[in-house]
C-alpha atoms as a PDB file:
ATOM      1  CA  MET A   1       0.000   0.000   0.000  1.00  0.00           C
ATOM      2  CA  THR A   2       1.369   3.444  -0.847  1.00  0.00           C
ATOM      3  CA  THR A   3       0.751   6.838   0.687  1.00  0.00           C
ATOM      4  CA  ASN A   4      -0.784   7.901  -2.630  1.00  0.00           C
ATOM      5  CA  ALA A   5      -3.733   5.525  -2.401  1.00  0.00           C
ATOM      6  CA  ILE A   6      -5.313   5.383   1.030  1.00  0.00           C
ATOM      7  CA  ASP A   7      -7.974   2.686   1.208  1.00  0.00           C
ATOM      8  CA  SER A   8     -10.727   4.140   3.386  1.00  0.00           C
ATOM      9  CA  ASP A   9     -12.303   0.744   4.024  1.00  0.00           C
ATOM     10  CA  ARG A  10      -9.039  -0.631   5.378  1.00  0.00           C
ATOM     11  CA  VAL A  11      -8.478   2.511   7.448  1.00  0.00           C
ATOM     12  CA  ARG A  12     -11.913   2.140   9.015  1.00  0.00           C
ATOM     13  CA  ALA A  13     -11.383  -1.590   9.626  1.00  0.00           C
ATOM     14  CA  ALA A  14      -8.061  -0.896  11.367  1.00  0.00           C
ATOM     15  CA  ALA A  15      -9.640   1.817  13.528  1.00  0.00           C
ATOM     16  CA  GLU A  16     -12.484  -0.498  14.475  1.00  0.00           C
ATOM     17  CA  ARG A  17     -10.057  -3.263  15.447  1.00  0.00           C
ATOM     18  CA  LEU A  18      -8.117  -0.935  17.753  1.00  0.00           C
ATOM     19  CA  SER A  19     -11.324   0.499  19.208  1.00  0.00           C
ATOM     20  CA  ARG A  20     -12.549  -3.001  19.978  1.00  0.00           C
ATOM     21  CA  ALA A  21      -9.383  -3.672  21.959  1.00  0.00           C
ATOM     22  CA  ALA A  22      -9.602  -0.407  23.873  1.00  0.00           C
ATOM     23  CA  LEU A  23     -13.235  -0.900  24.816  1.00  0.00           C
ATOM     24  CA  GLY A  24     -13.144  -4.643  25.397  1.00  0.00           C
ATOM     25  CA  GLY A  25      -9.841  -4.834  27.255  1.00  0.00           C
ATOM     26  CA  GLU A  26      -8.361  -7.577  25.082  1.00  0.00           C
ATOM     27  CA  PRO A  27      -5.362  -6.921  22.787  1.00  0.00           C
ATOM     28  CA  VAL A  28      -5.886  -7.606  19.102  1.00  0.00           C
ATOM     29  CA  ALA A  29      -3.779  -8.672  16.146  1.00  0.00           C
ATOM     30  CA  PRO A  30      -1.581  -6.021  14.513  1.00  0.00           C
ATOM     31  CA  VAL A  31      -3.322  -3.782  11.997  1.00  0.00           C
ATOM     32  CA  ARG A  32      -0.447  -3.851   9.493  1.00  0.00           C
ATOM     33  CA  ASP A  33      -2.280  -6.547   7.551  1.00  0.00           C
ATOM     34  CA  LEU A  34      -4.790  -3.805   6.718  1.00  0.00           C
ATOM     35  CA  ILE A  35      -2.634  -0.678   6.426  1.00  0.00           C
ATOM     36  CA  GLY A  36       0.922  -1.908   5.862  1.00  0.00           C
ATOM     37  CA  PRO A  37       3.859  -1.729   8.280  1.00  0.00           C
ATOM     38  CA  ASP A  38       5.285   1.616   7.220  1.00  0.00           C
ATOM     39  CA  ASP A  39       2.640   3.639   5.370  1.00  0.00           C
ATOM     40  CA  MET A  40       2.746   6.843   7.388  1.00  0.00           C
ATOM     41  CA  ALA A  41      -0.198   8.634   5.778  1.00  0.00           C
ATOM     42  CA  THR A  42      -2.524   5.664   6.204  1.00  0.00           C
ATOM     43  CA  ALA A  43      -1.443   5.035   9.790  1.00  0.00           C
ATOM     44  CA  TYR A  44      -2.128   8.643  10.778  1.00  0.00           C
ATOM     45  CA  ALA A  45      -5.502   8.429   9.032  1.00  0.00           C
ATOM     46  CA  VAL A  46      -6.368   5.550  11.374  1.00  0.00           C
ATOM     47  CA  GLN A  47      -5.102   7.556  14.346  1.00  0.00           C
ATOM     48  CA  ARG A  48      -7.295  10.537  13.420  1.00  0.00           C
ATOM     49  CA  ILE A  49     -10.401   8.346  13.442  1.00  0.00           C
ATOM     50  CA  GLY A  50      -9.545   7.191  16.963  1.00  0.00           C
ATOM     51  CA  VAL A  51      -8.956  10.782  18.079  1.00  0.00           C
ATOM     52  CA  ARG A  52     -12.295  11.929  16.656  1.00  0.00           C
ATOM     53  CA  GLU A  53     -14.095   9.090  18.406  1.00  0.00           C
ATOM     54  CA  ARG A  54     -12.465   9.925  21.751  1.00  0.00           C
ATOM     55  CA  VAL A  55     -13.460  13.578  21.403  1.00  0.00           C
ATOM     56  CA  ALA A  56     -16.999  12.616  20.427  1.00  0.00           C
ATOM     57  CA  ALA A  57     -17.171  10.480  23.578  1.00  0.00           C
ATOM     58  CA  GLY A  58     -16.303  13.506  25.736  1.00  0.00           C
ATOM     59  CA  ALA A  59     -12.508  13.423  26.046  1.00  0.00           C
ATOM     60  CA  ARG A  60     -10.672  16.736  25.723  1.00  0.00           C
ATOM     61  CA  MET A  61      -7.366  17.114  23.888  1.00  0.00           C
ATOM     62  CA  VAL A  62      -4.694  18.628  26.156  1.00  0.00           C
ATOM     63  CA  GLY A  63      -1.453  18.013  24.266  1.00  0.00           C
ATOM     64  CA  ARG A  64       0.708  15.626  22.273  1.00  0.00           C
ATOM     65  CA  LYS A  65       3.272  12.930  22.896  1.00  0.00           C
ATOM     66  CA  ILE A  66       6.346  12.147  20.845  1.00  0.00           C
ATOM     67  CA  GLY A  67       7.469   8.567  20.371  1.00  0.00           C
ATOM     68  CA  LEU A  68      10.322   6.755  18.653  1.00  0.00           C
ATOM     69  CA  THR A  69      12.858   9.395  19.699  1.00  0.00           C
ATOM     70  CA  ALA A  70      15.614   6.864  20.408  1.00  0.00           C
ATOM     71  CA  GLU A  71      17.782   5.821  17.471  1.00  0.00           C
ATOM     72  CA  ALA A  72      17.833   2.207  18.660  1.00  0.00           C
ATOM     73  CA  VAL A  73      14.036   1.988  18.546  1.00  0.00           C
ATOM     74  CA  GLN A  74      13.950   3.672  15.129  1.00  0.00           C
ATOM     75  CA  ARG A  75      16.394   1.097  13.812  1.00  0.00           C
ATOM     76  CA  GLN A  76      14.317  -1.703  15.313  1.00  0.00           C
ATOM     77  CA  LEU A  77      11.209  -0.542  13.430  1.00  0.00           C
ATOM     78  CA  GLY A  78      13.061   0.492  10.291  1.00  0.00           C
ATOM     79  CA  VAL A  79      12.134   4.205  10.423  1.00  0.00           C
ATOM     80  CA  ASP A  80      14.183   7.371  10.440  1.00  0.00           C
ATOM     81  CA  GLN A  81      11.898   9.756  12.314  1.00  0.00           C
ATOM     82  CA  PRO A  82       9.713   9.925  15.408  1.00  0.00           C
ATOM     83  CA  ASP A  83       5.957   9.659  15.572  1.00  0.00           C
ATOM     84  CA  PHE A  84       3.358  11.475  17.630  1.00  0.00           C
ATOM     85  CA  GLY A  85       0.034  10.905  19.343  1.00  0.00           C
ATOM     86  CA  VAL A  86      -2.598  12.930  21.166  1.00  0.00           C
ATOM     87  CA  LEU A  87      -2.938  13.413  24.929  1.00  0.00           C
ATOM     88  CA  PHE A  88      -6.412  13.624  26.440  1.00  0.00           C
ATOM     89  CA  ASP A  89      -7.464  15.017  29.804  1.00  0.00           C
ATOM     90  CA  ASP A  90      -8.494  11.624  31.182  1.00  0.00           C
ATOM     91  CA  MET A  91      -4.993  10.236  30.567  1.00  0.00           C
ATOM     92  CA  ASP A  92      -3.620  12.424  33.409  1.00  0.00           C
ATOM     93  CA  ALA A  93      -3.233   9.774  36.110  1.00  0.00           C
ATOM     94  CA  ALA A  94      -2.681  12.323  38.878  1.00  0.00           C
ATOM     95  CA  ALA A  95      -5.845  14.297  38.145  1.00  0.00           C
ATOM     96  CA  THR A  96      -8.255  11.599  36.929  1.00  0.00           C
ATOM     97  CA  PRO A  97      -9.783   8.881  39.128  1.00  0.00           C
ATOM     98  CA  ALA A  98      -8.675   5.413  38.072  1.00  0.00           C
ATOM     99  CA  GLY A  99     -12.150   4.393  36.957  1.00  0.00           C
ATOM    100  CA  ARG A 100     -12.361   7.278  34.486  1.00  0.00           C
ATOM    101  CA  ARG A 101      -9.001   6.736  32.795  1.00  0.00           C
ATOM    102  CA  PRO A 102      -8.639   4.725  29.584  1.00  0.00           C
ATOM    103  CA  ARG A 103      -8.178   1.028  30.255  1.00  0.00           C
ATOM    104  CA  LEU A 104      -4.623  -0.287  30.340  1.00  0.00           C
ATOM    105  CA  LEU A 105      -3.931  -3.580  28.597  1.00  0.00           C
ATOM    106  CA  GLN A 106      -0.143  -4.123  28.569  1.00  0.00           C
ATOM    107  CA  PRO A 107       1.363  -1.135  30.387  1.00  0.00           C
ATOM    108  CA  ARG A 108       4.998  -0.135  30.394  1.00  0.00           C
ATOM    109  CA  ILE A 109       6.515   3.003  31.886  1.00  0.00           C
ATOM    110  CA  GLU A 110       9.236   5.421  30.860  1.00  0.00           C
ATOM    111  CA  ALA A 111      10.681   8.678  32.176  1.00  0.00           C
ATOM    112  CA  GLU A 112      10.578  11.881  30.153  1.00  0.00           C
ATOM    113  CA  LEU A 113      10.832  15.647  30.225  1.00  0.00           C
ATOM    114  CA  ALA A 114       7.531  17.349  29.473  1.00  0.00           C
ATOM    115  CA  PHE A 115       7.040  20.872  28.184  1.00  0.00           C
ATOM    116  CA  VAL A 116       4.029  23.087  28.876  1.00  0.00           C
ATOM    117  CA  LEU A 117       3.629  25.722  26.190  1.00  0.00           C
ATOM    118  CA  GLY A 118       3.042  29.388  26.948  1.00  0.00           C
ATOM    119  CA  ALA A 119       2.632  30.419  23.304  1.00  0.00           C
ATOM    120  CA  ASP A 120       1.404  28.999  20.019  1.00  0.00           C
ATOM    121  CA  LEU A 121       3.936  27.264  17.782  1.00  0.00           C
ATOM    122  CA  ASP A 122       2.736  28.224  14.318  1.00  0.00           C
ATOM    123  CA  ALA A 123       5.454  30.668  13.282  1.00  0.00           C
ATOM    124  CA  GLU A 124       8.005  30.234  10.525  1.00  0.00           C
ATOM    125  CA  GLN A 125      10.995  29.639  12.807  1.00  0.00           C
ATOM    126  CA  LEU A 126      10.332  26.258  14.388  1.00  0.00           C
ATOM    127  CA  ASP A 127      13.851  25.202  15.241  1.00  0.00           C
ATOM    128  CA  PRO A 128      15.096  24.494  18.798  1.00  0.00           C
ATOM    129  CA  VAL A 129      15.832  28.192  19.321  1.00  0.00           C
ATOM    130  CA  GLY A 130      12.415  29.243  18.076  1.00  0.00           C
ATOM    131  CA  VAL A 131      10.448  26.711  20.119  1.00  0.00           C
ATOM    132  CA  ARG A 132      12.409  27.355  23.297  1.00  0.00           C
ATOM    133  CA  GLY A 133      10.789  30.742  23.697  1.00  0.00           C
ATOM    134  CA  ALA A 134       7.323  29.192  23.514  1.00  0.00           C
ATOM    135  CA  VAL A 135       7.935  26.910  26.513  1.00  0.00           C
ATOM    136  CA  GLU A 136       6.357  28.277  29.689  1.00  0.00           C
ATOM    137  CA  TYR A 137       8.005  25.612  31.841  1.00  0.00           C
ATOM    138  CA  ALA A 138       9.236  22.042  31.855  1.00  0.00           C
ATOM    139  CA  VAL A 139       8.404  19.263  34.303  1.00  0.00           C
ATOM    140  CA  PRO A 140       9.670  15.749  34.991  1.00  0.00           C
ATOM    141  CA  ALA A 141       7.147  13.270  33.667  1.00  0.00           C
ATOM    142  CA  LEU A 142       6.314   9.594  33.558  1.00  0.00           C
ATOM    143  CA  GLU A 143       4.531   8.121  30.582  1.00  0.00           C
ATOM    144  CA  ILE A 144       2.597   4.905  31.010  1.00  0.00           C
ATOM    145  CA  VAL A 145       2.696   3.605  27.465  1.00  0.00           C
ATOM    146  CA  ASP A 146       0.363   0.873  26.316  1.00  0.00           C
ATOM    147  CA  SER A 147      -0.476  -1.100  23.213  1.00  0.00           C
ATOM    148  CA  ARG A 148      -3.761  -2.445  21.979  1.00  0.00           C
ATOM    149  CA  ILE A 149      -1.680  -4.816  19.814  1.00  0.00           C
ATOM    150  CA  ALA A 150      -1.163  -8.257  21.337  1.00  0.00           C
ATOM    151  CA  ASP A 151       2.304  -8.885  22.805  1.00  0.00           C
ATOM    152  CA  TRP A 152       3.497  -5.438  21.655  1.00  0.00           C
ATOM    153  CA  ASP A 153       4.037  -6.971  18.215  1.00  0.00           C
ATOM    154  CA  ILE A 154       4.174  -3.587  16.525  1.00  0.00           C
ATOM    155  CA  SER A 155       5.511  -2.064  13.353  1.00  0.00           C
ATOM    156  CA  PHE A 156       5.713   1.679  12.724  1.00  0.00           C
ATOM    157  CA  GLY A 157       2.261   1.599  11.180  1.00  0.00           C
ATOM    158  CA  ASP A 158       0.772  -0.261  14.132  1.00  0.00           C
ATOM    159  CA  THR A 159       2.039   2.153  16.773  1.00  0.00           C
ATOM    160  CA  VAL A 160       1.097   5.290  14.819  1.00  0.00           C
ATOM    161  CA  ALA A 161      -2.410   3.966  14.209  1.00  0.00           C
ATOM    162  CA  ASP A 162      -2.677   3.123  17.912  1.00  0.00           C
ATOM    163  CA  ASN A 163      -2.201   6.778  18.919  1.00  0.00           C
ATOM    164  CA  ALA A 164       1.557   6.238  19.256  1.00  0.00           C
ATOM    165  CA  SER A 165       0.981   3.508  21.876  1.00  0.00           C
ATOM    166  CA  SER A 166      -0.424   5.999  24.369  1.00  0.00           C
ATOM    167  CA  GLY A 167      -1.754   5.151  27.799  1.00  0.00           C
ATOM    168  CA  TRP A 168      -1.525   7.586  30.714  1.00  0.00           C
ATOM    169  CA  TYR A 169       0.921  10.209  31.936  1.00  0.00           C
ATOM    170  CA  VAL A 170       1.988  11.802  35.229  1.00  0.00           C
ATOM    171  CA  LEU A 171       3.564  15.247  35.602  1.00  0.00           C
ATOM    172  CA  GLY A 172       5.853  16.217  38.462  1.00  0.00           C
ATOM    173  CA  GLY A 173       5.128  19.142  40.743  1.00  0.00           C
ATOM    174  CA  GLU A 174       8.287  21.188  40.112  1.00  0.00           C
ATOM    175  CA  ARG A 175       8.007  23.734  37.321  1.00  0.00           C
ATOM    176  CA  LEU A 176      11.436  24.078  35.746  1.00  0.00           C
ATOM    177  CA  SER A 177      12.518  27.144  33.807  1.00  0.00           C
ATOM    178  CA  ILE A 178      14.502  26.095  30.747  1.00  0.00           C
ATOM    179  CA  GLU A 179      16.358  29.392  31.026  1.00  0.00           C
ATOM    180  CA  GLU A 180      18.115  27.773  33.979  1.00  0.00           C
ATOM    181  CA  PHE A 181      19.207  24.466  32.416  1.00  0.00           C
ATOM    182  CA  GLU A 182      19.837  22.819  29.065  1.00  0.00           C
ATOM    183  CA  PRO A 183      17.405  19.948  28.426  1.00  0.00           C
ATOM    184  CA  ARG A 184      20.059  18.002  26.491  1.00  0.00           C
ATOM    185  CA  ASP A 185      22.320  18.016  29.573  1.00  0.00           C
ATOM    186  CA  ILE A 186      19.911  16.387  32.020  1.00  0.00           C
ATOM    187  CA  ALA A 187      20.389  12.903  33.416  1.00  0.00           C
ATOM    188  CA  MET A 188      17.544  10.636  34.503  1.00  0.00           C
ATOM    189  CA  SER A 189      17.224   7.797  36.960  1.00  0.00           C
ATOM    190  CA  MET A 190      14.007   5.791  37.354  1.00  0.00           C
ATOM    191  CA  THR A 191      13.349   3.318  40.137  1.00  0.00           C
ATOM    192  CA  VAL A 192      10.615   0.757  40.725  1.00  0.00           C
ATOM    193  CA  ASP A 193      10.123  -0.145  44.391  1.00  0.00           C
ATOM    194  CA  GLY A 194      13.466   1.500  45.141  1.00  0.00           C
ATOM    195  CA  GLU A 195      15.480  -0.413  42.524  1.00  0.00           C
ATOM    196  CA  ILE A 196      17.021   1.447  39.580  1.00  0.00           C
ATOM    197  CA  VAL A 197      15.465   0.082  36.393  1.00  0.00           C
ATOM    198  CA  SER A 198      16.226   2.781  33.823  1.00  0.00           C
ATOM    199  CA  THR A 199      18.761   5.554  33.327  1.00  0.00           C
ATOM    200  CA  GLY A 200      19.308   7.978  30.503  1.00  0.00           C
ATOM    201  CA  THR A 201      20.071  11.492  29.352  1.00  0.00           C
ATOM    202  CA  GLY A 202      18.474  14.371  27.515  1.00  0.00           C
ATOM    203  CA  SER A 203      20.766  13.753  24.564  1.00  0.00           C
ATOM    204  CA  ALA A 204      19.108  10.321  24.089  1.00  0.00           C
ATOM    205  CA  CYS A 205      15.917  12.120  23.018  1.00  0.00           C
ATOM    206  CA  LEU A 206      16.711  13.073  19.389  1.00  0.00           C
ATOM    207  CA  GLY A 207      19.910  14.653  20.682  1.00  0.00           C
ATOM    208  CA  ASP A 208      17.955  17.206  22.734  1.00  0.00           C
ATOM    209  CA  PRO A 209      14.315  17.268  23.935  1.00  0.00           C
ATOM    210  CA  LEU A 210      14.048  20.688  22.295  1.00  0.00           C
ATOM    211  CA  HIS A 211      14.924  19.062  18.959  1.00  0.00           C
ATOM    212  CA  ALA A 212      12.013  16.692  19.536  1.00  0.00           C
ATOM    213  CA  LEU A 213       9.696  19.606  20.339  1.00  0.00           C
ATOM    214  CA  ALA A 214      10.811  21.433  17.182  1.00  0.00           C
ATOM    215  CA  TRP A 215      10.172  18.313  15.074  1.00  0.00           C
ATOM    216  CA  LEU A 216       6.671  18.003  16.523  1.00  0.00           C
ATOM    217  CA  ALA A 217       5.937  21.711  16.036  1.00  0.00           C
ATOM    218  CA  ARG A 218       6.910  21.532  12.349  1.00  0.00           C
ATOM    219  CA  THR A 219       4.986  18.300  11.820  1.00  0.00           C
ATOM    220  CA  ALA A 220       1.852  19.529  13.589  1.00  0.00           C
ATOM    221  CA  ARG A 221       1.897  22.753  11.588  1.00  0.00           C
ATOM    222  CA  ALA A 222       2.357  20.824   8.341  1.00  0.00           C
ATOM    223  CA  VAL A 223      -0.775  18.758   8.977  1.00  0.00           C
ATOM    224  CA  GLY A 224      -2.799  21.849   9.850  1.00  0.00           C
ATOM    225  CA  ASP A 225      -3.012  21.308  13.602  1.00  0.00           C
ATOM    226  CA  PRO A 226      -0.242  23.451  15.152  1.00  0.00           C
ATOM    227  CA  LEU A 227       0.700  23.294  18.809  1.00  0.00           C
ATOM    228  CA  ARG A 228      -1.116  25.852  20.939  1.00  0.00           C
ATOM    229  CA  ALA A 229      -0.460  27.678  24.200  1.00  0.00           C
ATOM    230  CA  GLY A 230      -1.396  25.567  27.204  1.00  0.00           C
ATOM    231  CA  GLU A 231      -0.683  22.236  25.535  1.00  0.00           C
ATOM    232  CA  ILE A 232       1.443  19.598  27.251  1.00  0.00           C
ATOM    233  CA  VAL A 233       4.124  17.916  25.169  1.00  0.00           C
ATOM    234  CA  LEU A 234       5.747  14.682  26.319  1.00  0.00           C
ATOM    235  CA  SER A 235       9.043  14.986  24.487  1.00  0.00           C
ATOM    236  CA  GLY A 236      10.112  11.337  24.431  1.00  0.00           C
ATOM    237  CA  ALA A 237      11.798   8.709  26.548  1.00  0.00           C
ATOM    238  CA  LEU A 238      15.120   9.515  28.220  1.00  0.00           C
ATOM    239  CA  GLY A 239      15.880   5.846  28.866  1.00  0.00           C
ATOM    240  CA  PRO A 240      14.465   2.350  28.356  1.00  0.00           C
ATOM    241  CA  MET A 241      10.846   1.653  29.234  1.00  0.00           C
ATOM    242  CA  VAL A 242      10.024  -1.189  31.614  1.00  0.00           C
ATOM    243  CA  PRO A 243       6.898  -3.288  32.275  1.00  0.00           C
ATOM    244  CA  LEU A 244       4.516  -1.864  34.869  1.00  0.00           C
ATOM    245  CA  ARG A 245       2.701  -4.137  37.295  1.00  0.00           C
ATOM    246  CA  PRO A 246      -0.093  -3.252  39.729  1.00  0.00           C
ATOM    247  CA  GLY A 247       1.233  -1.950  43.038  1.00  0.00           C
ATOM    248  CA  ALA A 248       4.605  -0.900  41.597  1.00  0.00           C
ATOM    249  CA  ARG A 249       5.976   2.335  43.092  1.00  0.00           C
ATOM    250  CA  VAL A 250       7.779   4.297  40.394  1.00  0.00           C
ATOM    251  CA  ARG A 251       9.950   7.367  40.896  1.00  0.00           C
ATOM    252  CA  SER A 252      11.984   9.304  38.352  1.00  0.00           C
ATOM    253  CA  GLU A 253      14.515  12.005  39.167  1.00  0.00           C
ATOM    254  CA  LEU A 254      16.136  14.466  36.764  1.00  0.00           C
ATOM    255  CA  PHE A 255      19.636  15.759  37.449  1.00  0.00           C
ATOM    256  CA  ILE A 256      22.165  18.269  36.231  1.00  0.00           C
ATOM    257  CA  GLY A 257      25.420  16.943  37.596  1.00  0.00           C
ATOM    258  CA  THR A 258      24.653  16.029  41.218  1.00  0.00           C
ATOM    259  CA  GLU A 259      21.815  18.541  41.557  1.00  0.00           C
ATOM    260  CA  VAL A 260      18.291  17.114  41.511  1.00  0.00           C
ATOM    261  CA  LEU A 261      16.142  19.316  39.279  1.00  0.00           C
ATOM    262  CA  GLY A 262      12.883  17.579  40.035  1.00  0.00           C
ATOM    263  CA  ALA A 263      11.126  14.289  40.560  1.00  0.00           C
ATOM    264  CA  VAL A 264       7.855  12.570  39.751  1.00  0.00           C
ATOM    265  CA  GLU A 265       6.232   9.533  41.381  1.00  0.00           C
ATOM    266  CA  PHE A 266       3.444   7.131  40.490  1.00  0.00           C
ATOM    267  CA  THR A 267       1.975   3.946  41.921  1.00  0.00           C
ATOM    268  CA  LEU A 268      -0.235   1.807  39.726  1.00  0.00           C
ATOM    269  CA  GLU A 269      -3.380   0.904  41.613  1.00  0.00           C
ATOM    270  CA  GLU A 270      -3.978  -2.726  42.456  1.00  0.00           C
ATOM    271  CA  ARG A 271      -6.662  -4.287  40.289  1.00  0.00           C
END
């Protein structure tokens, strides 16, 4: 299948398969049999159907998430760029009661740096320098990623169609001014029940989380849906993601040298 000939019937069938998994709580087969493993335009067409259905059901869009920012993951899926998905208000695990959040099927967790925008990003200059001025503040964040695809058997097309394998997110309480630190220079340590399970750096996120934000700003503008003031942007994983089990106590800390910039914690409720 090529990006020049999107088959609307296959797009709808893929969206319905993913919706069935989300609503029924059972992972489904990959959708690449319907849309191909690497057809970007078709995969995003599936994603847009899912987004429209979530909005129609009452969810409110509050931001975006960037995925596939690590070169190793890009190589694994045979792509040379990130992807993105949409964040909704009910995905905020700190602000939304567990019963009102989207259902998790196969959760994993990763540590990130999130940006909260203070200005629209629809100008001509959307490079790291240009987007930096639009950031109101940054916060440490945890993303609970999830897949509606059984056993995480995903291609690029599968994850894009599945809203970039989105689940929930948690933002830390400290608001960090990026005038006071360089995002590419941060270090991250994430623990589960007190044991270090993931470490990483800002430079692991497309070389700099601001590079990731600039990529998203250009991409969002190109598709006619530019980033707006007030939106949250999860800029991408700083280190490996790990499986998340009920009752696990997760904490991520961000550092510059030996100084702790901020931290974020989350405990997945027992089922």
